[in-house]
Amino acid sequence: MRLNLILYFVLIFFAIATVNSEHQYRNNYSRLDIEYKATSELRDEKTKLEVEESDKSGNQRIQTIASEKLKMYVPNKKQVKVIK
C-alpha cells in the first residue's frame, strides 16, 4: 500500500514535469518564431536601404545635382584645352 502511494506521487511528479517541459518548449518555439520574423523584416529593410543608397549615389542623380544646383555643364570641343 505504501509503495503504491509512493509510485503514485512519483507518477504525478513526472507527469507535471513532462507538461512543464512541453510548455517551456512551446514558449521557446514561439519566441524563436517571433525572432525569425523580426530578422526577416530587418533583412527586408536592409535591402530597401541598400537600394535607396545605390539610387542616391547613381550617376544620373550626381549629374542632375551638378547641372541643376551647381550650374555645371559639359564643355564643348572649343572650350576643352589639352595640356601635355
N, C-alpha and C. Protein backbone atom coordinates (compact mmCIF):
# COMPACT_ATOMS: atom_id res chain seq x y z
N MET A 1 0.82 -1.20 0.00
CA MET A 1 0.00 0.00 0.00
C MET A 1 0.87 1.26 0.00
N ARG A 2 1.87 1.29 0.84
CA ARG A 2 2.76 2.43 0.93
C ARG A 2 3.54 2.60 -0.37
N LEU A 3 3.99 1.50 -0.95
CA LEU A 3 4.74 1.54 -2.21
C LEU A 3 3.86 2.09 -3.33
N ASN A 4 2.60 1.69 -3.36
CA ASN A 4 1.68 2.19 -4.37
C ASN A 4 1.50 3.70 -4.26
N LEU A 5 1.41 4.19 -3.04
CA LEU A 5 1.26 5.62 -2.81
C LEU A 5 2.50 6.39 -3.26
N ILE A 6 3.66 5.85 -2.96
CA ILE A 6 4.93 6.49 -3.39
C ILE A 6 5.01 6.49 -4.91
N LEU A 7 4.70 5.37 -5.55
CA LEU A 7 4.74 5.30 -7.01
C LEU A 7 3.71 6.24 -7.63
N TYR A 8 2.57 6.39 -6.98
CA TYR A 8 1.55 7.30 -7.47
C TYR A 8 2.08 8.75 -7.46
N PHE A 9 2.71 9.16 -6.38
CA PHE A 9 3.27 10.52 -6.30
C PHE A 9 4.42 10.72 -7.29
N VAL A 10 5.22 9.70 -7.49
CA VAL A 10 6.30 9.78 -8.48
C VAL A 10 5.70 9.95 -9.88
N LEU A 11 4.64 9.20 -10.15
CA LEU A 11 3.97 9.31 -11.45
C LEU A 11 3.39 10.72 -11.65
N ILE A 12 2.76 11.27 -10.64
CA ILE A 12 2.21 12.62 -10.72
C ILE A 12 3.33 13.63 -10.93
N PHE A 13 4.43 13.48 -10.20
CA PHE A 13 5.57 14.39 -10.33
C PHE A 13 6.10 14.38 -11.77
N PHE A 14 6.31 13.22 -12.33
CA PHE A 14 6.83 13.13 -13.70
C PHE A 14 5.81 13.62 -14.73
N ALA A 15 4.55 13.44 -14.47
CA ALA A 15 3.53 13.96 -15.38
C ALA A 15 3.56 15.50 -15.39
N ILE A 16 3.66 16.09 -14.22
CA ILE A 16 3.75 17.55 -14.13
C ILE A 16 5.04 18.04 -14.78
N ALA A 17 6.13 17.34 -14.55
CA ALA A 17 7.41 17.73 -15.15
C ALA A 17 7.33 17.65 -16.68
N THR A 18 6.66 16.63 -17.19
CA THR A 18 6.50 16.50 -18.64
C THR A 18 5.66 17.63 -19.21
N VAL A 19 4.58 17.98 -18.56
CA VAL A 19 3.72 19.07 -19.02
C VAL A 19 4.49 20.39 -18.97
N ASN A 20 5.24 20.62 -17.90
CA ASN A 20 6.04 21.83 -17.77
C ASN A 20 7.09 21.91 -18.88
N SER A 21 7.73 20.80 -19.17
CA SER A 21 8.75 20.76 -20.22
C SER A 21 8.13 21.09 -21.58
N GLU A 22 6.98 20.52 -21.87
CA GLU A 22 6.29 20.79 -23.13
C GLU A 22 5.87 22.26 -23.22
N HIS A 23 5.42 22.81 -22.11
CA HIS A 23 5.03 24.22 -22.07
C HIS A 23 6.23 25.13 -22.36
N GLN A 24 7.36 24.85 -21.74
CA GLN A 24 8.57 25.64 -21.99
C GLN A 24 9.01 25.51 -23.45
N TYR A 25 8.91 24.31 -23.99
CA TYR A 25 9.29 24.10 -25.38
C TYR A 25 8.43 24.96 -26.30
N ARG A 26 7.13 24.97 -26.07
CA ARG A 26 6.23 25.76 -26.92
C ARG A 26 6.48 27.27 -26.77
N ASN A 27 6.73 27.72 -25.56
CA ASN A 27 7.05 29.13 -25.35
C ASN A 27 8.34 29.51 -26.08
N ASN A 28 9.36 28.69 -25.96
CA ASN A 28 10.62 28.97 -26.63
C ASN A 28 10.47 28.94 -28.15
N TYR A 29 9.69 28.01 -28.65
CA TYR A 29 9.46 27.94 -30.09
C TYR A 29 8.72 29.18 -30.58
N SER A 30 7.76 29.63 -29.78
CA SER A 30 7.01 30.84 -30.13
C SER A 30 7.94 32.05 -30.17
N ARG A 31 8.82 32.18 -29.19
CA ARG A 31 9.79 33.29 -29.18
C ARG A 31 10.73 33.20 -30.37
N LEU A 32 11.16 31.99 -30.70
CA LEU A 32 12.05 31.79 -31.85
C LEU A 32 11.36 32.23 -33.13
N ASP A 33 10.09 31.89 -33.27
CA ASP A 33 9.34 32.28 -34.46
C ASP A 33 9.23 33.80 -34.55
N ILE A 34 9.00 34.45 -33.43
CA ILE A 34 8.93 35.92 -33.41
C ILE A 34 10.27 36.52 -33.83
N GLU A 35 11.36 35.95 -33.35
CA GLU A 35 12.69 36.45 -33.71
C GLU A 35 12.99 36.22 -35.18
N TYR A 36 12.56 35.09 -35.73
CA TYR A 36 12.75 34.85 -37.16
C TYR A 36 12.00 35.89 -38.00
N LYS A 37 10.78 36.22 -37.57
CA LYS A 37 10.01 37.24 -38.29
C LYS A 37 10.69 38.60 -38.20
N ALA A 38 11.19 38.94 -37.03
CA ALA A 38 11.89 40.22 -36.86
C ALA A 38 13.15 40.25 -37.72
N THR A 39 13.87 39.14 -37.77
CA THR A 39 15.07 39.05 -38.59
C THR A 39 14.72 39.24 -40.06
N SER A 40 13.65 38.63 -40.49
CA SER A 40 13.22 38.76 -41.88
C SER A 40 12.85 40.20 -42.20
N GLU A 41 12.14 40.86 -41.29
CA GLU A 41 11.77 42.26 -41.50
C GLU A 41 13.01 43.14 -41.57
N LEU A 42 13.99 42.88 -40.70
CA LEU A 42 15.21 43.67 -40.72
C LEU A 42 16.00 43.44 -42.01
N ARG A 43 16.02 42.22 -42.50
CA ARG A 43 16.70 41.95 -43.78
C ARG A 43 16.02 42.71 -44.92
N ASP A 44 14.69 42.70 -44.92
CA ASP A 44 13.95 43.43 -45.95
C ASP A 44 14.25 44.93 -45.88
N GLU A 45 14.29 45.46 -44.67
CA GLU A 45 14.59 46.88 -44.50
C GLU A 45 16.02 47.19 -44.94
N LYS A 46 16.95 46.30 -44.62
CA LYS A 46 18.33 46.50 -45.04
C LYS A 46 18.43 46.52 -46.57
N THR A 47 17.75 45.59 -47.21
CA THR A 47 17.76 45.54 -48.68
C THR A 47 17.17 46.83 -49.25
N LYS A 48 16.08 47.28 -48.67
CA LYS A 48 15.44 48.53 -49.12
C LYS A 48 16.40 49.70 -48.97
N LEU A 49 17.09 49.78 -47.84
CA LEU A 49 18.03 50.88 -47.61
C LEU A 49 19.23 50.81 -48.55
N GLU A 50 19.69 49.59 -48.85
CA GLU A 50 20.80 49.45 -49.79
C GLU A 50 20.40 49.91 -51.19
N VAL A 51 19.18 49.57 -51.60
CA VAL A 51 18.69 50.01 -52.91
C VAL A 51 18.56 51.53 -52.92
N GLU A 52 18.03 52.08 -51.84
CA GLU A 52 17.88 53.54 -51.75
C GLU A 52 19.25 54.23 -51.79
N GLU A 53 20.22 53.65 -51.10
CA GLU A 53 21.57 54.22 -51.10
C GLU A 53 22.19 54.17 -52.50
N SER A 54 22.02 53.07 -53.18
CA SER A 54 22.58 52.96 -54.53
C SER A 54 21.89 53.93 -55.49
N ASP A 55 20.60 54.17 -55.28
CA ASP A 55 19.89 55.15 -56.11
C ASP A 55 20.43 56.55 -55.88
N LYS A 56 20.71 56.87 -54.62
CA LYS A 56 21.18 58.21 -54.31
C LYS A 56 22.61 58.46 -54.76
N SER A 57 23.36 57.42 -54.95
CA SER A 57 24.75 57.59 -55.39
C SER A 57 24.91 57.27 -56.87
N GLY A 58 23.82 57.14 -57.58
CA GLY A 58 23.87 56.81 -59.00
C GLY A 58 24.37 57.97 -59.85
N ASN A 59 24.91 57.65 -60.99
CA ASN A 59 25.48 58.65 -61.89
C ASN A 59 24.44 59.67 -62.33
N GLN A 60 23.24 59.23 -62.60
CA GLN A 60 22.20 60.14 -63.08
C GLN A 60 21.88 61.18 -62.03
N ARG A 61 21.80 60.78 -60.79
CA ARG A 61 21.50 61.72 -59.71
C ARG A 61 22.63 62.72 -59.54
N ILE A 62 23.86 62.24 -59.59
CA ILE A 62 25.01 63.12 -59.47
C ILE A 62 25.02 64.14 -60.61
N GLN A 63 24.74 63.68 -61.82
CA GLN A 63 24.71 64.57 -62.97
C GLN A 63 23.60 65.61 -62.82
N THR A 64 22.45 65.20 -62.32
CA THR A 64 21.34 66.13 -62.12
C THR A 64 21.70 67.20 -61.09
N ILE A 65 22.29 66.79 -59.98
CA ILE A 65 22.69 67.75 -58.95
C ILE A 65 23.75 68.70 -59.50
N ALA A 66 24.71 68.17 -60.25
CA ALA A 66 25.78 69.00 -60.80
C ALA A 66 25.21 70.04 -61.76
N SER A 67 24.29 69.66 -62.59
CA SER A 67 23.76 70.60 -63.57
C SER A 67 22.75 71.58 -62.98
N GLU A 68 21.89 71.12 -62.07
CA GLU A 68 20.85 71.98 -61.54
C GLU A 68 21.33 72.85 -60.38
N LYS A 69 21.95 72.26 -59.39
CA LYS A 69 22.34 73.02 -58.21
C LYS A 69 23.67 73.75 -58.39
N LEU A 70 24.62 73.09 -59.04
CA LEU A 70 25.96 73.68 -59.17
C LEU A 70 26.16 74.40 -60.49
N LYS A 71 25.15 74.35 -61.35
CA LYS A 71 25.20 75.01 -62.66
C LYS A 71 26.41 74.57 -63.48
N MET A 72 26.74 73.31 -63.38
CA MET A 72 27.85 72.75 -64.18
C MET A 72 27.29 72.26 -65.51
N TYR A 73 28.15 72.17 -66.50
CA TYR A 73 27.74 71.69 -67.81
C TYR A 73 28.92 70.98 -68.49
N VAL A 74 28.63 70.23 -69.49
CA VAL A 74 29.66 69.53 -70.26
C VAL A 74 30.20 70.53 -71.28
N PRO A 75 31.51 70.79 -71.27
CA PRO A 75 32.07 71.78 -72.20
C PRO A 75 32.07 71.25 -73.64
N ASN A 76 31.97 72.17 -74.58
CA ASN A 76 32.05 71.74 -75.97
C ASN A 76 33.52 71.63 -76.38
N LYS A 77 33.80 71.22 -77.59
CA LYS A 77 35.18 70.96 -78.02
C LYS A 77 36.02 72.23 -78.07
N LYS A 78 35.42 73.34 -78.33
CA LYS A 78 36.18 74.60 -78.38
C LYS A 78 36.64 75.04 -76.99
N GLN A 79 35.93 74.64 -75.98
CA GLN A 79 36.27 75.04 -74.60
C GLN A 79 37.29 74.11 -73.95
N VAL A 80 37.56 72.98 -74.56
CA VAL A 80 38.46 72.00 -73.98
C VAL A 80 39.89 72.33 -74.40
N LYS A 81 40.81 72.39 -73.45
CA LYS A 81 42.23 72.59 -73.74
C LYS A 81 43.00 71.40 -73.19
N VAL A 82 43.77 70.77 -74.05
CA VAL A 82 44.56 69.62 -73.67
C VAL A 82 45.95 70.10 -73.30
N ILE A 83 46.40 69.78 -72.11
CA ILE A 83 47.72 70.19 -71.65
C ILE A 83 48.62 68.96 -71.62
N LYS A 84 49.79 69.11 -72.28
CA LYS A 84 50.73 67.99 -72.34
C LYS A 84 51.97 68.28 -71.56
